[in-house]
Amino acid sequence: MTTLSLTAPAKINYLLDVIRRRPDGYHDLRMIMQRINLCDTISLTLTDVPGIRVICNAEGVPDGPDNIAWKAAQVMLDLAASDLGAAIEITKNIPIAAGLGGGSSDAATVLMGMNELLQLRLTEQQLMDTGCKLGADVPFFIFKKTALAEGIGEKLTAIQNMPKCWILLINPKVPVSTAWVYRSLQLTRTGELNKLPEFFDSVDHIVSFLSNDLESVTIQAFPVIADIKNRLLAWGAAGSMMSGSGPTVFGIFNDYERAEAARREITAGTNWFAATVETL
């Protein structure tokens, strides 16, 4: 059977506004989402044996229906009314539960790969609609562009000509539950949202819009996040912020060498995850 070898990139949020709590329990958001070249790799194969098998190199990743990539494969097999099975091998390079969208990206990649293997010929929009039922960030990874994301994250508008920049990711490996962060958030937003530009013309322009409403919850519980932000700025980052619900913090740098110097100094003597990556 044909095997596809695919990459699933991580993301960061340059902006994360929480606008309101919805009656369905979700939140209306406004986000600027940016893919980066830290990627999981996924090997995807159709099998003659029914059922879905997930193998992952990372501890604690479910290998059955609790895995979002498993769910993505099942949805596509159901749409194809196929009695085939699927083997999914995931090599995790993106930290788990880190605010970097790794699980959602894996699911999006499986949807796109299964669409090709099963010759379903679903359009990008059909895949995005399917992905939204799996997770709010899944459509973004199918969209494959830097985007303004609204609603729960499914309403995407491309942002053109984003400046390339180097991103230093640092994850202090503290356990942060996304559900807990949103439950704990005190919504205090009043008045109009600030207007966003149609494009960003420099790294400094991006930095001027950095904002994440979820930091108020996560930093209070884990002050190390604020400490990492301050250290990134001290080591030359043009700007620094927590990504998503955390705990990963990123710094934006103009050049690779400065980012790497900051990585070495900030993580010396720790077991933190850190990587210098580039925007896509």
Protein backbone atom coordinates (compact mmCIF):
# COMPACT_ATOMS: atom_id res chain seq x y z
CA MET A 1 0.00 0.00 0.00
CA THR A 2 1.14 3.56 -0.66
CA THR A 3 2.74 5.40 2.25
CA LEU A 4 2.80 9.17 2.55
CA SER A 5 5.50 10.89 4.58
CA LEU A 6 4.22 14.28 5.72
CA THR A 7 5.25 17.17 7.96
CA ALA A 8 2.98 18.87 10.49
CA PRO A 9 4.20 22.34 11.54
CA ALA A 10 3.66 24.06 14.89
CA LYS A 11 2.14 27.52 15.29
CA ILE A 12 2.47 30.53 17.52
CA ASN A 13 -0.07 33.27 18.24
CA TYR A 14 1.05 36.87 17.71
CA LEU A 15 -2.35 37.96 19.05
CA LEU A 16 -4.97 36.19 21.15
CA ASP A 17 -8.00 38.24 22.15
CA VAL A 18 -10.76 36.47 24.08
CA ILE A 19 -13.89 38.42 23.21
CA ARG A 20 -16.76 36.58 24.90
CA ARG A 21 -17.92 33.27 26.29
CA ARG A 22 -20.40 31.57 23.98
CA PRO A 23 -23.57 29.72 25.04
CA ASP A 24 -22.01 26.46 23.77
CA GLY A 25 -19.14 26.78 26.25
CA TYR A 26 -16.54 27.84 23.68
CA HIS A 27 -15.14 31.37 23.42
CA ASP A 28 -15.20 33.81 20.54
CA LEU A 29 -11.60 34.72 19.79
CA ARG A 30 -9.55 36.99 17.59
CA MET A 31 -6.08 35.64 16.84
CA ILE A 32 -3.17 36.18 14.51
CA MET A 33 -1.74 32.71 13.89
CA GLN A 34 1.67 32.01 12.38
CA ARG A 35 3.12 28.65 11.32
CA ILE A 36 6.75 27.87 12.18
CA ASN A 37 9.15 25.25 10.89
CA LEU A 38 9.19 23.11 14.03
CA CYS A 39 7.41 20.03 12.66
CA ASP A 40 6.17 16.61 13.63
CA THR A 41 6.60 13.98 10.92
CA ILE A 42 3.77 11.62 10.04
CA SER A 43 3.91 8.40 8.07
CA LEU A 44 0.45 7.48 6.81
CA THR A 45 -0.44 4.15 5.19
CA LEU A 46 -3.70 2.53 4.13
CA THR A 47 -3.86 -1.12 5.20
CA ASP A 48 -5.92 -4.13 4.13
CA VAL A 49 -6.61 -4.83 7.80
CA PRO A 50 -9.54 -2.75 9.13
CA GLY A 51 -8.96 -0.46 12.08
CA ILE A 52 -6.57 2.37 12.85
CA ARG A 53 -3.18 1.89 14.46
CA VAL A 54 -1.24 4.85 15.91
CA ILE A 55 2.42 4.59 16.87
CA CYS A 56 4.13 7.59 18.47
CA ASN A 57 7.63 8.11 19.83
CA ALA A 58 6.42 10.34 22.69
CA GLU A 59 5.24 8.98 26.04
CA GLY A 60 1.66 9.64 27.05
CA VAL A 61 0.26 10.06 23.53
CA PRO A 62 -2.96 7.99 23.17
CA ASP A 63 -2.90 5.28 20.51
CA GLY A 64 -6.68 4.96 20.13
CA PRO A 65 -9.84 7.07 19.82
CA ASP A 66 -8.55 9.65 22.33
CA ASN A 67 -5.88 10.64 19.79
CA ILE A 68 -7.05 13.48 17.51
CA ALA A 69 -5.02 12.08 14.59
CA TRP A 70 -6.82 8.73 15.06
CA LYS A 71 -10.15 10.60 14.97
CA ALA A 72 -9.11 12.38 11.76
CA ALA A 73 -8.33 9.08 10.05
CA GLN A 74 -11.62 7.56 11.18
CA VAL A 75 -13.62 10.51 9.86
CA MET A 76 -12.03 10.14 6.43
CA LEU A 77 -12.51 6.36 6.30
CA ASP A 78 -16.17 6.91 7.21
CA LEU A 79 -16.56 9.54 4.46
CA ALA A 80 -15.06 7.11 1.96
CA ALA A 81 -17.26 4.26 3.23
CA SER A 82 -14.05 2.26 3.13
CA ASP A 83 -13.36 -1.08 4.79
CA LEU A 84 -9.61 -0.39 4.70
CA GLY A 85 -7.60 0.53 7.78
CA ALA A 86 -4.85 3.05 8.44
CA ALA A 87 -1.45 2.96 10.09
CA ILE A 88 -0.25 6.30 11.49
CA GLU A 89 3.29 6.72 12.75
CA ILE A 90 3.92 10.07 14.46
CA THR A 91 7.38 11.35 15.32
CA LYS A 92 6.81 14.17 17.79
CA ASN A 93 9.19 17.12 17.66
CA ILE A 94 6.58 19.62 18.87
CA PRO A 95 6.16 19.49 22.67
CA ILE A 96 2.82 18.11 23.83
CA ALA A 97 0.25 20.44 25.47
CA ALA A 98 2.54 23.40 24.88
CA GLY A 99 0.33 26.03 23.22
CA LEU A 100 1.94 25.25 19.85
CA GLY A 101 -0.92 23.36 18.19
CA GLY A 102 0.93 20.09 17.65
CA GLY A 103 -2.07 17.80 18.04
CA SER A 104 -4.25 19.96 15.80
CA SER A 105 -1.53 20.09 13.17
CA ASP A 106 -1.16 16.30 13.26
CA ALA A 107 -4.92 15.92 12.77
CA ALA A 108 -4.97 18.41 9.88
CA THR A 109 -2.08 16.59 8.22
CA VAL A 110 -3.86 13.23 8.55
CA LEU A 111 -7.04 14.71 7.04
CA MET A 112 -5.10 16.03 4.04
CA GLY A 113 -3.10 12.81 3.66
CA MET A 114 -6.14 10.54 3.88
CA ASN A 115 -7.93 12.76 1.35
CA GLU A 116 -5.09 11.98 -1.07
CA LEU A 117 -4.75 8.28 -0.25
CA LEU A 118 -8.50 7.62 -0.43
CA GLN A 119 -8.88 9.84 -3.53
CA LEU A 120 -11.81 11.63 -1.94
CA ARG A 121 -11.02 14.92 -3.73
CA LEU A 122 -12.43 17.04 -0.90
CA THR A 123 -11.76 20.74 -1.39
CA GLU A 124 -9.71 22.78 1.06
CA GLN A 125 -12.92 24.30 2.44
CA GLN A 126 -14.53 20.86 2.88
CA LEU A 127 -11.43 19.66 4.72
CA MET A 128 -11.48 22.77 6.92
CA ASP A 129 -15.16 22.23 7.75
CA THR A 130 -14.39 18.61 8.65
CA GLY A 131 -11.37 19.66 10.71
CA CYS A 132 -13.36 22.19 12.73
CA LYS A 133 -15.40 19.32 14.17
CA LEU A 134 -12.18 17.81 15.53
CA GLY A 135 -10.61 20.95 17.01
CA ALA A 136 -10.75 24.72 16.67
CA ASP A 137 -7.14 25.05 15.44
CA VAL A 138 -7.34 22.27 12.84
CA PRO A 139 -8.69 24.42 9.97
CA PHE A 140 -5.76 26.84 10.30
CA PHE A 141 -3.25 24.10 9.49
CA ILE A 142 -5.25 23.12 6.40
CA PHE A 143 -5.42 26.80 5.36
CA LYS A 144 -1.59 26.92 5.27
CA LYS A 145 -1.30 30.70 5.51
CA THR A 146 -0.60 33.22 8.24
CA ALA A 147 -4.12 34.18 9.25
CA LEU A 148 -6.47 36.31 11.26
CA ALA A 149 -8.63 33.68 12.98
CA GLU A 150 -12.04 34.61 14.40
CA GLY A 151 -15.05 32.81 15.86
CA ILE A 152 -13.65 29.82 17.75
CA GLY A 153 -10.77 29.91 15.28
CA GLU A 154 -12.52 28.60 12.18
CA LYS A 155 -13.10 31.93 10.39
CA LEU A 156 -9.79 32.54 8.64
CA THR A 157 -8.56 35.52 6.65
CA ALA A 158 -5.10 35.37 5.08
CA ILE A 159 -2.56 38.00 6.11
CA GLN A 160 -0.28 38.63 3.16
CA ASN A 161 3.46 39.32 3.02
CA MET A 162 4.33 38.72 6.67
CA PRO A 163 7.96 39.58 7.44
CA LYS A 164 10.14 36.50 8.00
CA CYS A 165 11.67 36.33 11.45
CA TRP A 166 13.50 33.98 13.78
CA ILE A 167 11.54 32.63 16.74
CA LEU A 168 13.11 31.27 19.90
CA LEU A 169 10.74 28.89 21.69
CA ILE A 170 11.25 28.07 25.35
CA ASN A 171 8.99 25.64 27.21
CA PRO A 172 9.64 25.30 30.98
CA LYS A 173 7.73 21.99 31.07
CA VAL A 174 5.10 23.04 33.61
CA PRO A 175 1.68 21.38 33.21
CA VAL A 176 -0.92 23.78 31.80
CA SER A 177 -4.46 22.65 30.95
CA THR A 178 -6.06 24.69 28.18
CA ALA A 179 -9.53 23.95 29.56
CA TRP A 180 -8.44 25.18 33.02
CA VAL A 181 -7.02 28.41 31.57
CA TYR A 182 -10.24 29.28 29.77
CA ARG A 183 -12.38 28.35 32.79
CA SER A 184 -10.24 30.58 35.01
CA LEU A 185 -10.18 33.58 32.67
CA GLN A 186 -11.99 36.66 33.96
CA LEU A 187 -13.45 38.43 30.95
CA THR A 188 -13.06 42.17 31.47
CA ARG A 189 -12.90 43.41 27.87
CA THR A 190 -14.94 46.55 27.21
CA GLY A 191 -15.12 48.92 24.25
CA GLU A 192 -13.97 48.43 20.70
CA LEU A 193 -11.17 46.10 19.68
CA ASN A 194 -8.15 47.82 18.24
CA LYS A 195 -8.10 47.77 14.43
CA LEU A 196 -5.67 45.35 12.85
CA PRO A 197 -3.65 46.22 9.74
CA GLU A 198 -4.13 44.32 6.49
CA PHE A 199 -0.39 43.59 6.39
CA PHE A 200 2.69 43.94 8.59
CA ASP A 201 5.73 45.68 7.08
CA SER A 202 8.42 44.88 9.68
CA VAL A 203 9.29 42.79 12.72
CA ASP A 204 8.77 45.87 14.90
CA HIS A 205 5.28 46.24 13.42
CA ILE A 206 4.46 42.66 14.46
CA VAL A 207 5.87 43.27 17.95
CA SER A 208 3.64 46.33 18.41
CA PHE A 209 0.58 44.04 18.23
CA LEU A 210 1.76 41.23 20.53
CA SER A 211 -0.99 40.48 23.05
CA ASN A 212 -2.40 37.38 24.73
CA ASP A 213 -5.38 37.60 27.09
CA LEU A 214 -4.61 34.13 28.50
CA GLU A 215 -1.31 35.27 30.02
CA SER A 216 -3.22 36.81 32.94
CA VAL A 217 -4.25 33.32 34.08
CA THR A 218 -1.19 31.27 33.22
CA ILE A 219 1.46 33.67 34.50
CA GLN A 220 -0.31 34.05 37.84
CA ALA A 221 -0.10 30.28 38.33
CA PHE A 222 3.35 29.85 36.76
CA PRO A 223 5.54 32.96 37.29
CA VAL A 224 8.39 31.25 35.44
CA ILE A 225 6.60 32.26 32.22
CA ALA A 226 7.01 35.96 33.04
CA ASP A 227 10.63 35.31 34.00
CA ILE A 228 11.34 33.70 30.61
CA LYS A 229 9.68 36.62 28.81
CA ASN A 230 11.88 39.09 30.66
CA ARG A 231 15.02 37.08 29.99
CA LEU A 232 14.25 36.84 26.29
CA LEU A 233 13.90 40.61 26.11
CA ALA A 234 17.12 41.07 28.07
CA TRP A 235 18.93 38.83 25.58
CA GLY A 236 17.85 40.83 22.56
CA ALA A 237 14.37 39.70 21.55
CA ALA A 238 12.41 42.44 19.78
CA GLY A 239 9.32 41.14 21.59
CA SER A 240 8.22 38.18 23.70
CA MET A 241 4.93 36.50 24.56
CA MET A 242 3.33 33.25 25.66
CA SER A 243 1.85 31.21 22.81
CA GLY A 244 -1.74 30.05 23.13
CA SER A 245 -2.57 28.87 26.64
CA GLY A 246 1.12 28.17 27.32
CA PRO A 247 3.42 27.26 28.79
CA THR A 248 5.65 27.87 25.75
CA VAL A 249 7.07 31.38 25.50
CA PHE A 250 8.53 32.78 22.29
CA GLY A 251 10.89 35.61 21.51
CA ILE A 252 11.06 37.30 18.11
CA PHE A 253 14.57 37.92 16.81
CA ASN A 254 15.98 39.64 13.74
CA ASP A 255 18.81 37.16 13.29
CA TYR A 256 19.59 33.52 14.02
CA GLU A 257 22.86 34.09 15.86
CA ARG A 258 21.31 36.33 18.49
CA ALA A 259 18.43 33.90 19.01
CA GLU A 260 20.84 30.99 19.45
CA ALA A 261 22.96 32.93 21.95
CA ALA A 262 19.81 33.66 23.95
CA ARG A 263 18.78 29.99 23.81
CA ARG A 264 22.10 28.83 25.21
CA GLU A 265 22.17 31.37 28.04
CA ILE A 266 18.53 31.16 29.14
CA THR A 267 18.31 27.36 29.19
CA ALA A 268 21.75 26.64 30.71
CA GLY A 269 21.37 24.27 33.65
CA THR A 270 17.67 23.57 32.98
CA ASN A 271 15.74 20.70 31.39
CA TRP A 272 13.59 23.11 29.40
CA PHE A 273 12.68 22.52 25.78
CA ALA A 274 14.10 25.18 23.50
CA ALA A 275 14.41 25.61 19.75
CA THR A 276 15.29 28.38 17.35
CA VAL A 277 12.92 28.20 14.39
CA GLU A 278 11.82 30.28 11.42
CA THR A 279 8.38 31.47 10.39
CA LEU A 280 6.71 29.83 7.39
